[in-house]
Every structure is written in structure tokens, then in C-alpha cells.
Amino acid sequence: TSRQIGRGVAQALDAIRPAAVAINGWSVPEARAALAWCRRRGARAVLMSETKWDDGDQRAWWKETIKGWLVRRCDAALVGGRPQADYLQRLGFPRARIFFGYDVVDNDYFARETARVRTAASAHRHRLPEQYFFACTRFLPRKNIDGLLRAYAAYRAAAGTP
């Protein structure tokens, strides 16, 4: 439940006492719980947002009002591009506190760490099979996890024995 998620987030953050918390969005209970924790404990809340005005269906004014109230409680925002920054500004978030770089990936780091984890000892310790797919995302319909799983099943059927 939202209440359980809120308690869990608060307990985890109380245990580590960060000075700042990067919060992925505002629509899920764990994001709102992290923001509430920051407000209570005086930690900085950094909103990470990929949402644009034209995402999804028609926007309701009352929902946008609530979103604006939530996002304006954050100290800064990290976005992937101009459309995301424009949407936050539309919600009343100050442009001076919006920063770009959310979609930046350090490919050298991932190549290096992947090679390290794939060593026999590390793979055994992490219980990794020789070949695998990895996806890191939220379980939202628009993320198309069903499509990923169907594509993986089709790949396995076409590839036969690895």
C-alpha cells in the first residue's frame, strides 16, 4: 500500500540520512514519500523528470495544478531535454533550477564494469548465466515491458539452443 511504501522509504532514508535525494518523478507513492521525507528532514529534493506536455492523453487542469504544487516543492530538477524543461516551467517550476543531463550514460563505465562482472568468479558470485538480457525500467504500460518479454521469447524461439 502507499502507506507501507511511505514507511519503507522513510526508514531507508532515515538509515542513510542523505543531504539530497534524487527523486524519479512525482506520480508514484515512493516519489511522493521521498519528497515528504526531504521536506521533513531538511534534505534537498532533486526531481528527475522525463515527462513532457504531449505525453499521454489530454491533461486535466486540476491534475496539472496538483502536479505543479508537488514539483515546486523540489529544490532542483534534472531533465533530459528542452521539452521536459518546458513542461516543468509550465507547472510553475523556476527555470533557473532546471538542469539538463538526465539521459547521460557513461558508456566506458558500463563497458568496464560489464567486463568485470562477466569474469567467472564475479558471474558465479552474482549468479549470472553466461548470456542474459537486462532491462532497468519502471513497470508502467508505456514502458512496454510486455513487448520486451514477447521480443525475448521470439528471440529464444528463433535462436534455438544458445
N, C-alpha and C. Protein backbone atom coordinates (compact mmCIF):
# COMPACT_ATOMS: atom_id res chain seq x y z
N THR A 1 0.84 -1.19 0.00
CA THR A 1 0.00 0.00 0.00
C THR A 1 0.88 1.24 0.00
N SER A 2 0.27 2.36 -0.32
CA SER A 2 1.01 3.63 -0.28
C SER A 2 1.58 3.91 1.10
N ARG A 3 0.83 3.56 2.11
CA ARG A 3 1.29 3.79 3.49
C ARG A 3 2.53 2.94 3.79
N GLN A 4 2.52 1.68 3.37
CA GLN A 4 3.67 0.81 3.58
C GLN A 4 4.89 1.31 2.80
N ILE A 5 4.64 1.73 1.57
CA ILE A 5 5.73 2.28 0.76
C ILE A 5 6.31 3.51 1.44
N GLY A 6 5.46 4.39 1.94
CA GLY A 6 5.91 5.59 2.63
C GLY A 6 6.77 5.27 3.84
N ARG A 7 6.33 4.29 4.63
CA ARG A 7 7.11 3.88 5.80
C ARG A 7 8.46 3.30 5.39
N GLY A 8 8.44 2.46 4.35
CA GLY A 8 9.68 1.85 3.89
C GLY A 8 10.67 2.87 3.36
N VAL A 9 10.18 3.82 2.58
CA VAL A 9 11.05 4.87 2.05
C VAL A 9 11.63 5.69 3.20
N ALA A 10 10.79 6.07 4.15
CA ALA A 10 11.26 6.86 5.29
C ALA A 10 12.30 6.10 6.10
N GLN A 11 12.08 4.81 6.34
CA GLN A 11 13.05 4.01 7.09
C GLN A 11 14.38 3.92 6.36
N ALA A 12 14.33 3.70 5.06
CA ALA A 12 15.57 3.59 4.28
C ALA A 12 16.33 4.91 4.29
N LEU A 13 15.61 6.02 4.10
CA LEU A 13 16.28 7.32 4.10
C LEU A 13 16.76 7.72 5.49
N ASP A 14 16.00 7.37 6.52
CA ASP A 14 16.45 7.64 7.89
C ASP A 14 17.75 6.89 8.19
N ALA A 15 17.89 5.70 7.62
CA ALA A 15 19.09 4.89 7.89
C ALA A 15 20.34 5.51 7.27
N ILE A 16 20.20 6.15 6.13
CA ILE A 16 21.40 6.69 5.46
C ILE A 16 21.53 8.21 5.57
N ARG A 17 20.45 8.90 5.92
CA ARG A 17 20.45 10.35 6.14
C ARG A 17 21.16 11.15 5.04
N PRO A 18 20.70 11.04 3.80
CA PRO A 18 21.37 11.79 2.73
C PRO A 18 21.08 13.28 2.84
N ALA A 19 22.01 14.08 2.32
CA ALA A 19 21.81 15.53 2.28
C ALA A 19 20.89 15.91 1.13
N ALA A 20 20.86 15.05 0.11
CA ALA A 20 20.00 15.28 -1.06
C ALA A 20 19.48 13.94 -1.56
N VAL A 21 18.29 13.98 -2.15
CA VAL A 21 17.68 12.77 -2.69
C VAL A 21 17.24 13.06 -4.11
N ALA A 22 17.69 12.22 -5.05
CA ALA A 22 17.23 12.32 -6.44
C ALA A 22 15.95 11.50 -6.54
N ILE A 23 14.87 12.15 -6.94
CA ILE A 23 13.54 11.54 -6.94
C ILE A 23 13.06 11.37 -8.37
N ASN A 24 12.77 10.13 -8.73
CA ASN A 24 12.35 9.80 -10.09
C ASN A 24 10.86 10.07 -10.26
N GLY A 25 10.53 11.26 -10.72
CA GLY A 25 9.14 11.61 -10.99
C GLY A 25 8.37 12.07 -9.78
N TRP A 26 7.03 12.09 -9.94
CA TRP A 26 6.17 12.57 -8.86
C TRP A 26 4.88 11.78 -8.77
N SER A 27 4.62 10.88 -9.70
CA SER A 27 3.31 10.24 -9.76
C SER A 27 3.19 8.97 -8.94
N VAL A 28 4.30 8.41 -8.48
CA VAL A 28 4.24 7.14 -7.75
C VAL A 28 4.42 7.38 -6.26
N PRO A 29 3.88 6.50 -5.42
CA PRO A 29 3.94 6.71 -3.97
C PRO A 29 5.36 6.85 -3.43
N GLU A 30 6.31 6.09 -3.99
CA GLU A 30 7.68 6.18 -3.47
C GLU A 30 8.30 7.54 -3.75
N ALA A 31 7.96 8.17 -4.86
CA ALA A 31 8.47 9.50 -5.16
C ALA A 31 7.88 10.53 -4.19
N ARG A 32 6.59 10.44 -3.96
CA ARG A 32 5.95 11.38 -3.03
C ARG A 32 6.45 11.16 -1.61
N ALA A 33 6.72 9.91 -1.24
CA ALA A 33 7.25 9.62 0.10
C ALA A 33 8.65 10.19 0.25
N ALA A 34 9.47 10.07 -0.78
CA ALA A 34 10.83 10.63 -0.72
C ALA A 34 10.78 12.15 -0.60
N LEU A 35 9.89 12.78 -1.35
CA LEU A 35 9.75 14.23 -1.28
C LEU A 35 9.28 14.65 0.12
N ALA A 36 8.32 13.94 0.66
CA ALA A 36 7.83 14.26 2.01
C ALA A 36 8.96 14.10 3.03
N TRP A 37 9.76 13.06 2.88
CA TRP A 37 10.89 12.85 3.80
C TRP A 37 11.86 14.03 3.71
N CYS A 38 12.19 14.44 2.50
CA CYS A 38 13.10 15.58 2.31
C CYS A 38 12.56 16.82 2.99
N ARG A 39 11.28 17.07 2.83
CA ARG A 39 10.68 18.27 3.42
C ARG A 39 10.73 18.20 4.95
N ARG A 40 10.49 17.02 5.52
CA ARG A 40 10.52 16.87 6.99
C ARG A 40 11.93 16.96 7.55
N ARG A 41 12.91 16.42 6.83
CA ARG A 41 14.27 16.29 7.35
C ARG A 41 15.22 17.38 6.87
N GLY A 42 14.75 18.27 5.99
CA GLY A 42 15.60 19.35 5.52
C GLY A 42 16.61 18.94 4.45
N ALA A 43 16.42 17.79 3.84
CA ALA A 43 17.31 17.36 2.76
C ALA A 43 16.86 18.01 1.46
N ARG A 44 17.76 18.17 0.53
CA ARG A 44 17.44 18.71 -0.79
C ARG A 44 16.75 17.65 -1.64
N ALA A 45 15.72 18.04 -2.34
CA ALA A 45 14.98 17.14 -3.22
C ALA A 45 15.27 17.53 -4.66
N VAL A 46 15.86 16.60 -5.42
CA VAL A 46 16.16 16.84 -6.83
C VAL A 46 15.20 15.98 -7.65
N LEU A 47 14.33 16.64 -8.36
CA LEU A 47 13.35 15.96 -9.20
C LEU A 47 14.02 15.54 -10.50
N MET A 48 13.88 14.28 -10.87
CA MET A 48 14.35 13.79 -12.16
C MET A 48 13.10 13.52 -12.99
N SER A 49 12.99 14.21 -14.12
CA SER A 49 11.76 14.12 -14.89
C SER A 49 12.01 13.95 -16.38
N GLU A 50 11.28 13.03 -16.96
CA GLU A 50 11.28 12.81 -18.41
C GLU A 50 9.92 13.14 -19.00
N THR A 51 9.02 13.69 -18.22
CA THR A 51 7.66 13.95 -18.67
C THR A 51 7.60 15.22 -19.51
N LYS A 52 6.82 15.13 -20.60
CA LYS A 52 6.62 16.26 -21.50
C LYS A 52 5.12 16.58 -21.54
N TRP A 53 4.79 17.77 -21.99
CA TRP A 53 3.40 18.19 -22.08
C TRP A 53 2.60 17.24 -22.97
N ASP A 54 3.18 16.78 -24.06
CA ASP A 54 2.43 15.99 -25.03
C ASP A 54 2.46 14.48 -24.75
N ASP A 55 2.94 14.06 -23.59
CA ASP A 55 2.89 12.64 -23.22
C ASP A 55 1.45 12.25 -22.90
N GLY A 56 1.03 11.10 -23.39
CA GLY A 56 -0.25 10.55 -22.97
C GLY A 56 -1.46 11.30 -23.47
N ASP A 57 -2.53 11.16 -22.70
CA ASP A 57 -3.84 11.71 -23.05
C ASP A 57 -3.95 13.20 -22.73
N GLN A 58 -5.15 13.71 -22.95
CA GLN A 58 -5.46 15.11 -22.63
C GLN A 58 -5.20 15.36 -21.15
N ARG A 59 -4.63 16.47 -20.85
CA ARG A 59 -4.30 16.81 -19.47
C ARG A 59 -5.47 17.56 -18.81
N ALA A 60 -5.77 17.18 -17.58
CA ALA A 60 -6.83 17.81 -16.81
C ALA A 60 -6.23 18.95 -15.97
N TRP A 61 -6.87 20.09 -15.97
CA TRP A 61 -6.33 21.26 -15.27
C TRP A 61 -6.09 20.98 -13.79
N TRP A 62 -7.00 20.24 -13.16
CA TRP A 62 -6.87 20.01 -11.72
C TRP A 62 -5.70 19.08 -11.42
N LYS A 63 -5.42 18.13 -12.31
CA LYS A 63 -4.25 17.28 -12.11
C LYS A 63 -2.97 18.07 -12.30
N GLU A 64 -2.97 18.96 -13.29
CA GLU A 64 -1.79 19.79 -13.53
C GLU A 64 -1.54 20.71 -12.34
N THR A 65 -2.60 21.19 -11.70
CA THR A 65 -2.47 22.03 -10.51
C THR A 65 -1.79 21.26 -9.38
N ILE A 66 -2.22 20.03 -9.17
CA ILE A 66 -1.61 19.19 -8.12
C ILE A 66 -0.16 18.89 -8.46
N LYS A 67 0.11 18.55 -9.70
CA LYS A 67 1.50 18.27 -10.12
C LYS A 67 2.37 19.50 -9.89
N GLY A 68 1.86 20.66 -10.26
CA GLY A 68 2.62 21.89 -10.07
C GLY A 68 2.96 22.11 -8.60
N TRP A 69 1.99 21.87 -7.74
CA TRP A 69 2.22 22.02 -6.29
C TRP A 69 3.31 21.06 -5.84
N LEU A 70 3.28 19.82 -6.32
CA LEU A 70 4.29 18.83 -5.93
C LEU A 70 5.68 19.20 -6.44
N VAL A 71 5.78 19.48 -7.73
CA VAL A 71 7.12 19.72 -8.30
C VAL A 71 7.76 20.99 -7.73
N ARG A 72 6.96 21.99 -7.42
CA ARG A 72 7.52 23.23 -6.87
C ARG A 72 8.08 23.04 -5.47
N ARG A 73 7.79 21.91 -4.84
CA ARG A 73 8.35 21.62 -3.51
C ARG A 73 9.78 21.09 -3.61
N CYS A 74 10.23 20.77 -4.83
CA CYS A 74 11.60 20.29 -5.04
C CYS A 74 12.57 21.46 -5.13
N ASP A 75 13.82 21.19 -4.82
CA ASP A 75 14.85 22.24 -4.82
C ASP A 75 15.48 22.44 -6.19
N ALA A 76 15.53 21.39 -6.99
CA ALA A 76 16.12 21.45 -8.32
C ALA A 76 15.50 20.34 -9.15
N ALA A 77 15.72 20.42 -10.46
CA ALA A 77 15.20 19.37 -11.35
C ALA A 77 16.28 19.02 -12.37
N LEU A 78 16.34 17.74 -12.69
CA LEU A 78 17.24 17.23 -13.71
C LEU A 78 16.37 16.62 -14.80
N VAL A 79 16.50 17.13 -16.02
CA VAL A 79 15.64 16.69 -17.12
C VAL A 79 16.49 16.24 -18.31
N GLY A 80 15.84 15.53 -19.23
CA GLY A 80 16.54 15.00 -20.40
C GLY A 80 16.65 15.97 -21.56
N GLY A 81 15.79 16.96 -21.61
CA GLY A 81 15.83 17.87 -22.75
C GLY A 81 14.90 19.05 -22.60
N ARG A 82 14.86 19.86 -23.64
CA ARG A 82 14.06 21.08 -23.66
C ARG A 82 12.56 20.80 -23.42
N PRO A 83 11.93 19.79 -24.07
CA PRO A 83 10.50 19.57 -23.84
C PRO A 83 10.17 19.27 -22.37
N GLN A 84 11.07 18.54 -21.69
CA GLN A 84 10.84 18.23 -20.29
C GLN A 84 11.00 19.49 -19.42
N ALA A 85 11.99 20.31 -19.75
CA ALA A 85 12.18 21.57 -19.02
C ALA A 85 10.98 22.49 -19.23
N ASP A 86 10.50 22.56 -20.47
CA ASP A 86 9.34 23.40 -20.77
C ASP A 86 8.11 22.97 -19.97
N TYR A 87 7.93 21.66 -19.85
CA TYR A 87 6.77 21.16 -19.09
C TYR A 87 6.88 21.54 -17.62
N LEU A 88 8.07 21.38 -17.04
CA LEU A 88 8.23 21.78 -15.63
C LEU A 88 7.98 23.27 -15.45
N GLN A 89 8.46 24.08 -16.38
CA GLN A 89 8.20 25.52 -16.30
C GLN A 89 6.70 25.78 -16.39
N ARG A 90 6.03 25.05 -17.24
CA ARG A 90 4.58 25.20 -17.38
C ARG A 90 3.86 24.88 -16.06
N LEU A 91 4.46 23.98 -15.28
CA LEU A 91 3.90 23.62 -13.98
C LEU A 91 4.31 24.61 -12.89
N GLY A 92 5.10 25.61 -13.25
CA GLY A 92 5.49 26.65 -12.30
C GLY A 92 6.85 26.46 -11.67
N PHE A 93 7.63 25.51 -12.17
CA PHE A 93 8.97 25.29 -11.62
C PHE A 93 9.92 26.33 -12.20
N PRO A 94 10.75 26.96 -11.37
CA PRO A 94 11.64 28.02 -11.85
C PRO A 94 12.70 27.50 -12.83
N ARG A 95 12.83 28.16 -13.96
CA ARG A 95 13.78 27.75 -15.00
C ARG A 95 15.22 27.72 -14.47
N ALA A 96 15.56 28.62 -13.59
CA ALA A 96 16.93 28.70 -13.07
C ALA A 96 17.32 27.46 -12.27
N ARG A 97 16.36 26.69 -11.82
CA ARG A 97 16.66 25.49 -11.03
C ARG A 97 16.47 24.20 -11.83
N ILE A 98 16.35 24.30 -13.15
CA ILE A 98 16.21 23.14 -14.03
C ILE A 98 17.55 22.92 -14.74
N PHE A 99 18.05 21.69 -14.69
CA PHE A 99 19.34 21.34 -15.27
C PHE A 99 19.17 20.16 -16.24
N PHE A 100 20.03 20.13 -17.26
CA PHE A 100 19.98 19.08 -18.26
C PHE A 100 21.04 18.02 -17.96
N GLY A 101 20.79 16.82 -18.42
CA GLY A 101 21.78 15.75 -18.25
C GLY A 101 21.20 14.45 -17.75
N TYR A 102 19.89 14.36 -17.64
CA TYR A 102 19.25 13.15 -17.13
C TYR A 102 19.54 11.94 -18.01
N ASP A 103 19.64 12.10 -19.32
CA ASP A 103 19.82 10.97 -20.22
C ASP A 103 21.29 10.68 -20.54
N VAL A 104 22.20 11.16 -19.72
CA VAL A 104 23.61 10.95 -19.97
C VAL A 104 24.01 9.57 -19.44
N VAL A 105 24.71 8.81 -20.28
CA VAL A 105 25.19 7.48 -19.90
C VAL A 105 26.69 7.44 -20.08
N ASP A 106 27.40 6.93 -19.08
CA ASP A 106 28.84 6.76 -19.17
C ASP A 106 29.11 5.38 -19.76
N ASN A 107 29.19 5.31 -21.09
CA ASN A 107 29.36 4.03 -21.77
C ASN A 107 30.67 3.34 -21.39
N ASP A 108 31.75 4.09 -21.18
CA ASP A 108 33.02 3.49 -20.78
C ASP A 108 32.88 2.77 -19.45
N TYR A 109 32.19 3.40 -18.50
CA TYR A 109 31.96 2.77 -17.20
C TYR A 109 31.20 1.45 -17.35
N PHE A 110 30.11 1.47 -18.14
CA PHE A 110 29.32 0.25 -18.30
C PHE A 110 30.11 -0.84 -19.03
N ALA A 111 30.92 -0.48 -20.00
CA ALA A 111 31.76 -1.47 -20.69
C ALA A 111 32.76 -2.09 -19.72
N ARG A 112 33.41 -1.24 -18.93
CA ARG A 112 34.41 -1.71 -17.96
C ARG A 112 33.78 -2.59 -16.89
N GLU A 113 32.68 -2.13 -16.30
CA GLU A 113 32.04 -2.89 -15.23
C GLU A 113 31.38 -4.17 -15.74
N THR A 114 30.85 -4.14 -16.95
CA THR A 114 30.28 -5.35 -17.53
C THR A 114 31.36 -6.40 -17.71
N ALA A 115 32.52 -6.00 -18.21
CA ALA A 115 33.64 -6.93 -18.38
C ALA A 115 34.05 -7.51 -17.03
N ARG A 116 34.08 -6.67 -16.01
CA ARG A 116 34.47 -7.14 -14.67
C ARG A 116 33.46 -8.15 -14.13
N VAL A 117 32.18 -7.85 -14.25
CA VAL A 117 31.14 -8.72 -13.71
C VAL A 117 31.07 -10.04 -14.48
N ARG A 118 31.45 -10.00 -15.75
CA ARG A 118 31.39 -11.21 -16.57
C ARG A 118 32.53 -12.19 -16.30
N THR A 119 33.50 -11.79 -15.48
CA THR A 119 34.55 -12.75 -15.15
C THR A 119 33.93 -13.93 -14.42
N ALA A 120 34.55 -15.08 -14.50
CA ALA A 120 33.98 -16.30 -13.94
C ALA A 120 33.65 -16.15 -12.45
N ALA A 121 34.58 -15.61 -11.68
CA ALA A 121 34.36 -15.50 -10.23
C ALA A 121 33.20 -14.56 -9.93
N SER A 122 33.19 -13.42 -10.60
CA SER A 122 32.13 -12.44 -10.35
C SER A 122 30.78 -12.96 -10.82
N ALA A 123 30.75 -13.59 -11.99
CA ALA A 123 29.49 -14.13 -12.51
C ALA A 123 28.94 -15.18 -11.56
N HIS A 124 29.82 -16.01 -11.02
CA HIS A 124 29.38 -17.03 -10.06
C HIS A 124 28.82 -16.37 -8.79
N ARG A 125 29.53 -15.36 -8.30
CA ARG A 125 29.10 -14.66 -7.08
C ARG A 125 27.74 -13.99 -7.28
N HIS A 126 27.51 -13.43 -8.46
CA HIS A 126 26.25 -12.75 -8.75
C HIS A 126 25.20 -13.69 -9.34
N ARG A 127 25.55 -14.97 -9.49
CA ARG A 127 24.64 -15.99 -10.03
C ARG A 127 24.11 -15.61 -11.41
N LEU A 128 24.99 -15.12 -12.25
CA LEU A 128 24.59 -14.72 -13.60
C LEU A 128 24.80 -15.86 -14.58
N PRO A 129 23.83 -16.07 -15.47
CA PRO A 129 24.07 -17.05 -16.53
C PRO A 129 25.08 -16.48 -17.53
N GLU A 130 25.57 -17.33 -18.43
CA GLU A 130 26.56 -16.86 -19.39
C GLU A 130 25.99 -15.76 -20.29
N GLN A 131 24.73 -15.92 -20.71
CA GLN A 131 24.08 -14.91 -21.54
C GLN A 131 22.77 -14.51 -20.88
N TYR A 132 22.45 -13.22 -20.94
CA TYR A 132 21.21 -12.74 -20.35
C TYR A 132 20.86 -11.37 -20.91
N PHE A 133 19.62 -10.99 -20.72
CA PHE A 133 19.16 -9.65 -21.07
C PHE A 133 18.95 -8.91 -19.75
N PHE A 134 19.19 -7.62 -19.80
CA PHE A 134 18.98 -6.80 -18.62
C PHE A 134 18.14 -5.59 -19.02
N ALA A 135 17.09 -5.33 -18.28
CA ALA A 135 16.26 -4.14 -18.51
C ALA A 135 16.07 -3.44 -17.17
N CYS A 136 16.25 -2.15 -17.16
CA CYS A 136 16.07 -1.36 -15.95
C CYS A 136 15.02 -0.30 -16.25
N THR A 137 13.83 -0.48 -15.72
CA THR A 137 12.74 0.45 -16.00
C THR A 137 11.66 0.32 -14.93
N ARG A 138 10.72 1.21 -14.98
CA ARG A 138 9.56 1.12 -14.10
C ARG A 138 8.50 0.25 -14.77
N PHE A 139 7.68 -0.39 -14.00
CA PHE A 139 6.62 -1.25 -14.52
C PHE A 139 5.39 -0.41 -14.85
N LEU A 140 5.50 0.33 -15.93
CA LEU A 140 4.40 1.15 -16.42
C LEU A 140 4.02 0.67 -17.81
N PRO A 141 2.74 0.69 -18.17
CA PRO A 141 2.33 0.23 -19.50
C PRO A 141 3.11 0.90 -20.63
N ARG A 142 3.38 2.20 -20.52
CA ARG A 142 4.06 2.90 -21.60
C ARG A 142 5.52 2.46 -21.77
N LYS A 143 6.08 1.76 -20.78
CA LYS A 143 7.44 1.26 -20.89
C LYS A 143 7.51 -0.02 -21.71
N ASN A 144 6.36 -0.61 -21.99
CA ASN A 144 6.24 -1.77 -22.89
C ASN A 144 7.08 -2.97 -22.46
N ILE A 145 7.02 -3.31 -21.19
CA ILE A 145 7.72 -4.50 -20.70
C ILE A 145 7.13 -5.74 -21.38
N ASP A 146 5.82 -5.75 -21.63
CA ASP A 146 5.20 -6.88 -22.35
C ASP A 146 5.87 -7.08 -23.70
N GLY A 147 6.10 -5.99 -24.42
CA GLY A 147 6.77 -6.08 -25.72
C GLY A 147 8.18 -6.62 -25.60
N LEU A 148 8.89 -6.19 -24.55
CA LEU A 148 10.24 -6.69 -24.31
C LEU A 148 10.22 -8.20 -24.08
N LEU A 149 9.29 -8.65 -23.25
CA LEU A 149 9.20 -10.08 -22.96
C LEU A 149 8.80 -10.89 -24.20
N ARG A 150 7.88 -10.35 -25.00
CA ARG A 150 7.49 -11.03 -26.25
C ARG A 150 8.67 -11.08 -27.22
N ALA A 151 9.42 -10.00 -27.30
CA ALA A 151 10.58 -9.98 -28.18
C ALA A 151 11.63 -10.98 -27.70
N TYR A 152 11.82 -11.08 -26.40
CA TYR A 152 12.78 -12.04 -25.86
C TYR A 152 12.32 -13.47 -26.16
N ALA A 153 11.04 -13.74 -26.00
CA ALA A 153 10.50 -15.07 -26.32
C ALA A 153 10.70 -15.38 -27.79
N ALA A 154 10.46 -14.41 -28.66
CA ALA A 154 10.65 -14.61 -30.10
C ALA A 154 12.13 -14.86 -30.41
N TYR A 155 13.00 -14.11 -29.74
CA TYR A 155 14.44 -14.32 -29.92
C TYR A 155 14.83 -15.74 -29.53
N ARG A 156 14.38 -16.18 -28.34
CA ARG A 156 14.73 -17.53 -27.88
C ARG A 156 14.21 -18.58 -28.84
N ALA A 157 12.99 -18.40 -29.35
CA ALA A 157 12.42 -19.37 -30.31
C ALA A 157 13.23 -19.40 -31.59
N ALA A 158 13.65 -18.23 -32.06
CA ALA A 158 14.41 -18.16 -33.32
C ALA A 158 15.86 -18.62 -33.14
N ALA A 159 16.46 -18.34 -31.98
CA ALA A 159 17.86 -18.64 -31.77
C ALA A 159 18.09 -20.12 -31.47
N GLY A 160 17.07 -20.79 -30.97
CA GLY A 160 17.26 -22.19 -30.58
C GLY A 160 18.15 -22.27 -29.35
N THR A 161 18.97 -23.31 -29.30
CA THR A 161 19.86 -23.50 -28.17
C THR A 161 20.97 -22.48 -28.22
N PRO A 162 21.15 -21.70 -27.15
CA PRO A 162 22.20 -20.68 -27.16
C PRO A 162 23.59 -21.31 -27.31
